């Protein structure tokens, strides 16, 4: 099991094998943090990008980081709903399954209105 807040072993192995790419990764991450968007909105944007790119690993990483930053399950579900008309319904369902893998048991179903 992965320790909370620690990068996955695959990432650690990758940057150990390719240290220059690891440094580039860190520089790109830092460049994205240097703007006027607040932390919560940054996590919501990263979720939307991961969803749109249909990258399961990025979705898992973004969900973990968003939850740790205080983004609610309802907010994550809203981002899925917002993406559905752009990425398509089958893709939105796939993203949904990747998200619920990481949500606490009691927060897997979105609140209905």
C-alpha atoms as a PDB file:
ATOM      1  CA  UNK A   1       0.000   0.000   0.000  1.00  0.00           C
ATOM      2  CA  UNK A   2       1.234   3.473  -0.904  1.00  0.00           C
ATOM      3  CA  UNK A   3       1.946   5.922   1.905  1.00  0.00           C
ATOM      4  CA  UNK A   4      -0.394   8.945   1.731  1.00  0.00           C
ATOM      5  CA  UNK A   5       1.251  11.970   0.108  1.00  0.00           C
ATOM      6  CA  UNK A   6       4.124   9.917  -1.288  1.00  0.00           C
ATOM      7  CA  UNK A   7       4.505   9.456  -5.056  1.00  0.00           C
ATOM      8  CA  UNK A   8       3.798   5.990  -6.446  1.00  0.00           C
ATOM      9  CA  UNK A   9       6.766   3.628  -6.681  1.00  0.00           C
ATOM     10  CA  UNK A  10       6.586   3.701 -10.477  1.00  0.00           C
ATOM     11  CA  UNK A  11       7.103   7.481 -10.432  1.00  0.00           C
ATOM     12  CA  UNK A  12      10.018   7.185  -8.012  1.00  0.00           C
ATOM     13  CA  UNK A  13      11.643   4.493 -10.162  1.00  0.00           C
ATOM     14  CA  UNK A  14      11.116   6.593 -13.291  1.00  0.00           C
ATOM     15  CA  UNK A  15      12.761   9.739 -11.879  1.00  0.00           C
ATOM     16  CA  UNK A  16      15.585   7.657 -10.396  1.00  0.00           C
ATOM     17  CA  UNK A  17      16.256   6.179 -13.836  1.00  0.00           C
ATOM     18  CA  UNK A  18      15.744   9.521 -15.634  1.00  0.00           C
ATOM     19  CA  UNK A  19      16.789  12.280 -13.168  1.00  0.00           C
ATOM     20  CA  UNK A  20      16.738  15.046 -15.785  1.00  0.00           C
ATOM     21  CA  UNK A  21      13.129  14.205 -16.630  1.00  0.00           C
ATOM     22  CA  UNK A  22      12.368  14.226 -12.893  1.00  0.00           C
ATOM     23  CA  UNK A  23      13.786  17.745 -12.617  1.00  0.00           C
ATOM     24  CA  UNK A  24      11.794  18.813 -15.699  1.00  0.00           C
ATOM     25  CA  UNK A  25       8.660  17.328 -14.114  1.00  0.00           C
ATOM     26  CA  UNK A  26       9.269  19.375 -10.957  1.00  0.00           C
ATOM     27  CA  UNK A  27       9.866  22.558 -12.954  1.00  0.00           C
ATOM     28  CA  UNK A  28       6.652  22.091 -14.937  1.00  0.00           C
ATOM     29  CA  UNK A  29       4.692  21.444 -11.727  1.00  0.00           C
ATOM     30  CA  UNK A  30       6.128  24.567 -10.059  1.00  0.00           C
ATOM     31  CA  UNK A  31       5.394  26.710 -13.137  1.00  0.00           C
ATOM     32  CA  UNK A  32       1.723  25.746 -12.923  1.00  0.00           C
ATOM     33  CA  UNK A  33       1.525  26.794  -9.287  1.00  0.00           C
ATOM     34  CA  UNK A  34       2.731  30.340  -9.882  1.00  0.00           C
ATOM     35  CA  UNK A  35      -0.512  32.032 -10.820  1.00  0.00           C
ATOM     36  CA  UNK A  36      -3.615  33.680  -9.411  1.00  0.00           C
ATOM     37  CA  UNK A  37      -5.805  30.540  -9.300  1.00  0.00           C
ATOM     38  CA  UNK A  38      -6.433  29.315  -5.756  1.00  0.00           C
ATOM     39  CA  UNK A  39      -5.378  25.813  -4.709  1.00  0.00           C
ATOM     40  CA  UNK A  40      -8.861  24.296  -4.806  1.00  0.00           C
ATOM     41  CA  UNK A  41      -9.535  25.615  -8.312  1.00  0.00           C
ATOM     42  CA  UNK A  42      -6.135  24.313  -9.450  1.00  0.00           C
ATOM     43  CA  UNK A  43      -7.146  20.822  -8.332  1.00  0.00           C
ATOM     44  CA  UNK A  44     -10.514  21.084 -10.099  1.00  0.00           C
ATOM     45  CA  UNK A  45      -8.801  22.170 -13.326  1.00  0.00           C
ATOM     46  CA  UNK A  46      -6.286  19.311 -13.035  1.00  0.00           C
ATOM     47  CA  UNK A  47      -9.203  16.906 -12.587  1.00  0.00           C
ATOM     48  CA  UNK A  48     -10.864  18.219 -15.730  1.00  0.00           C
ATOM     49  CA  UNK A  49      -7.655  17.881 -17.725  1.00  0.00           C
ATOM     50  CA  UNK A  50      -7.063  14.326 -16.478  1.00  0.00           C
ATOM     51  CA  UNK A  51     -10.671  13.426 -17.283  1.00  0.00           C
ATOM     52  CA  UNK A  52     -10.478  14.910 -20.773  1.00  0.00           C
ATOM     53  CA  UNK A  53      -7.192  13.176 -21.510  1.00  0.00           C
ATOM     54  CA  UNK A  54      -8.684   9.853 -20.343  1.00  0.00           C
ATOM     55  CA  UNK A  55      -5.553   9.041 -18.360  1.00  0.00           C
ATOM     56  CA  UNK A  56      -6.526   6.685 -15.551  1.00  0.00           C
ATOM     57  CA  UNK A  57      -3.288   7.205 -13.627  1.00  0.00           C
ATOM     58  CA  UNK A  58      -3.638  10.972 -13.841  1.00  0.00           C
ATOM     59  CA  UNK A  59      -7.273  10.712 -12.722  1.00  0.00           C
ATOM     60  CA  UNK A  60      -6.260   8.637  -9.690  1.00  0.00           C
ATOM     61  CA  UNK A  61      -3.430  11.028  -8.825  1.00  0.00           C
ATOM     62  CA  UNK A  62      -5.606  14.114  -9.305  1.00  0.00           C
ATOM     63  CA  UNK A  63      -8.438  12.686  -7.197  1.00  0.00           C
ATOM     64  CA  UNK A  64      -6.061  11.781  -4.347  1.00  0.00           C
ATOM     65  CA  UNK A  65      -4.488  15.245  -4.399  1.00  0.00           C
ATOM     66  CA  UNK A  66      -7.847  17.023  -4.697  1.00  0.00           C
ATOM     67  CA  UNK A  67      -9.341  15.137  -1.754  1.00  0.00           C
ATOM     68  CA  UNK A  68      -6.245  15.916   0.336  1.00  0.00           C
ATOM     69  CA  UNK A  69      -6.670  19.607  -0.540  1.00  0.00           C
ATOM     70  CA  UNK A  70     -10.282  19.642   0.657  1.00  0.00           C
ATOM     71  CA  UNK A  71     -12.139  19.195  -2.635  1.00  0.00           C
ATOM     72  CA  UNK A  72     -15.392  17.379  -1.902  1.00  0.00           C
ATOM     73  CA  UNK A  73     -16.697  14.260  -3.613  1.00  0.00           C
ATOM     74  CA  UNK A  74     -19.699  16.317  -4.790  1.00  0.00           C
ATOM     75  CA  UNK A  75     -17.351  18.806  -6.473  1.00  0.00           C
ATOM     76  CA  UNK A  76     -15.461  15.973  -8.177  1.00  0.00           C
ATOM     77  CA  UNK A  77     -18.751  14.504  -9.386  1.00  0.00           C
ATOM     78  CA  UNK A  78     -19.748  17.897 -10.797  1.00  0.00           C
ATOM     79  CA  UNK A  79     -16.526  18.029 -12.817  1.00  0.00           C
ATOM     80  CA  UNK A  80     -17.391  14.612 -14.267  1.00  0.00           C
ATOM     81  CA  UNK A  81     -20.840  15.894 -15.213  1.00  0.00           C
ATOM     82  CA  UNK A  82     -19.341  19.039 -16.775  1.00  0.00           C
ATOM     83  CA  UNK A  83     -16.952  16.932 -18.863  1.00  0.00           C
ATOM     84  CA  UNK A  84     -19.613  14.508 -20.126  1.00  0.00           C
ATOM     85  CA  UNK A  85     -20.821  16.605 -23.048  1.00  0.00           C
ATOM     86  CA  UNK A  86     -17.254  17.247 -24.189  1.00  0.00           C
ATOM     87  CA  UNK A  87     -15.593  13.851 -23.700  1.00  0.00           C
ATOM     88  CA  UNK A  88     -18.740  11.817 -24.395  1.00  0.00           C
ATOM     89  CA  UNK A  89     -20.943   9.731 -22.189  1.00  0.00           C
ATOM     90  CA  UNK A  90     -18.984   6.454 -22.422  1.00  0.00           C
ATOM     91  CA  UNK A  91     -15.777   8.276 -21.497  1.00  0.00           C
ATOM     92  CA  UNK A  92     -17.539  10.050 -18.620  1.00  0.00           C
ATOM     93  CA  UNK A  93     -18.705   6.686 -17.281  1.00  0.00           C
ATOM     94  CA  UNK A  94     -15.135   5.363 -17.503  1.00  0.00           C
ATOM     95  CA  UNK A  95     -13.848   8.421 -15.624  1.00  0.00           C
ATOM     96  CA  UNK A  96     -16.579   7.951 -13.027  1.00  0.00           C
ATOM     97  CA  UNK A  97     -15.418   4.380 -12.365  1.00  0.00           C
ATOM     98  CA  UNK A  98     -11.826   5.568 -11.919  1.00  0.00           C
ATOM     99  CA  UNK A  99     -12.962   8.250  -9.478  1.00  0.00           C
ATOM    100  CA  UNK A 100     -15.146   6.044  -7.295  1.00  0.00           C
ATOM    101  CA  UNK A 101     -12.184   3.701  -6.818  1.00  0.00           C
ATOM    102  CA  UNK A 102     -10.679   6.412  -4.618  1.00  0.00           C
ATOM    103  CA  UNK A 103     -13.634   7.992  -2.853  1.00  0.00           C
ATOM    104  CA  UNK A 104     -14.404   7.089   0.732  1.00  0.00           C
ATOM    105  CA  UNK A 105     -17.177   4.476   0.880  1.00  0.00           C
ATOM    106  CA  UNK A 106     -19.852   6.902   2.057  1.00  0.00           C
ATOM    107  CA  UNK A 107     -19.106   9.473  -0.674  1.00  0.00           C
ATOM    108  CA  UNK A 108     -19.203   7.326  -3.793  1.00  0.00           C
ATOM    109  CA  UNK A 109     -22.660   8.403  -4.896  1.00  0.00           C
ATOM    110  CA  UNK A 110     -23.220  12.042  -5.840  1.00  0.00           C
ATOM    111  CA  UNK A 111     -25.773  14.023  -3.967  1.00  0.00           C
ATOM    112  CA  UNK A 112     -29.000  14.350  -5.922  1.00  0.00           C
ATOM    113  CA  UNK A 113     -30.889  17.625  -6.113  1.00  0.00           C
END
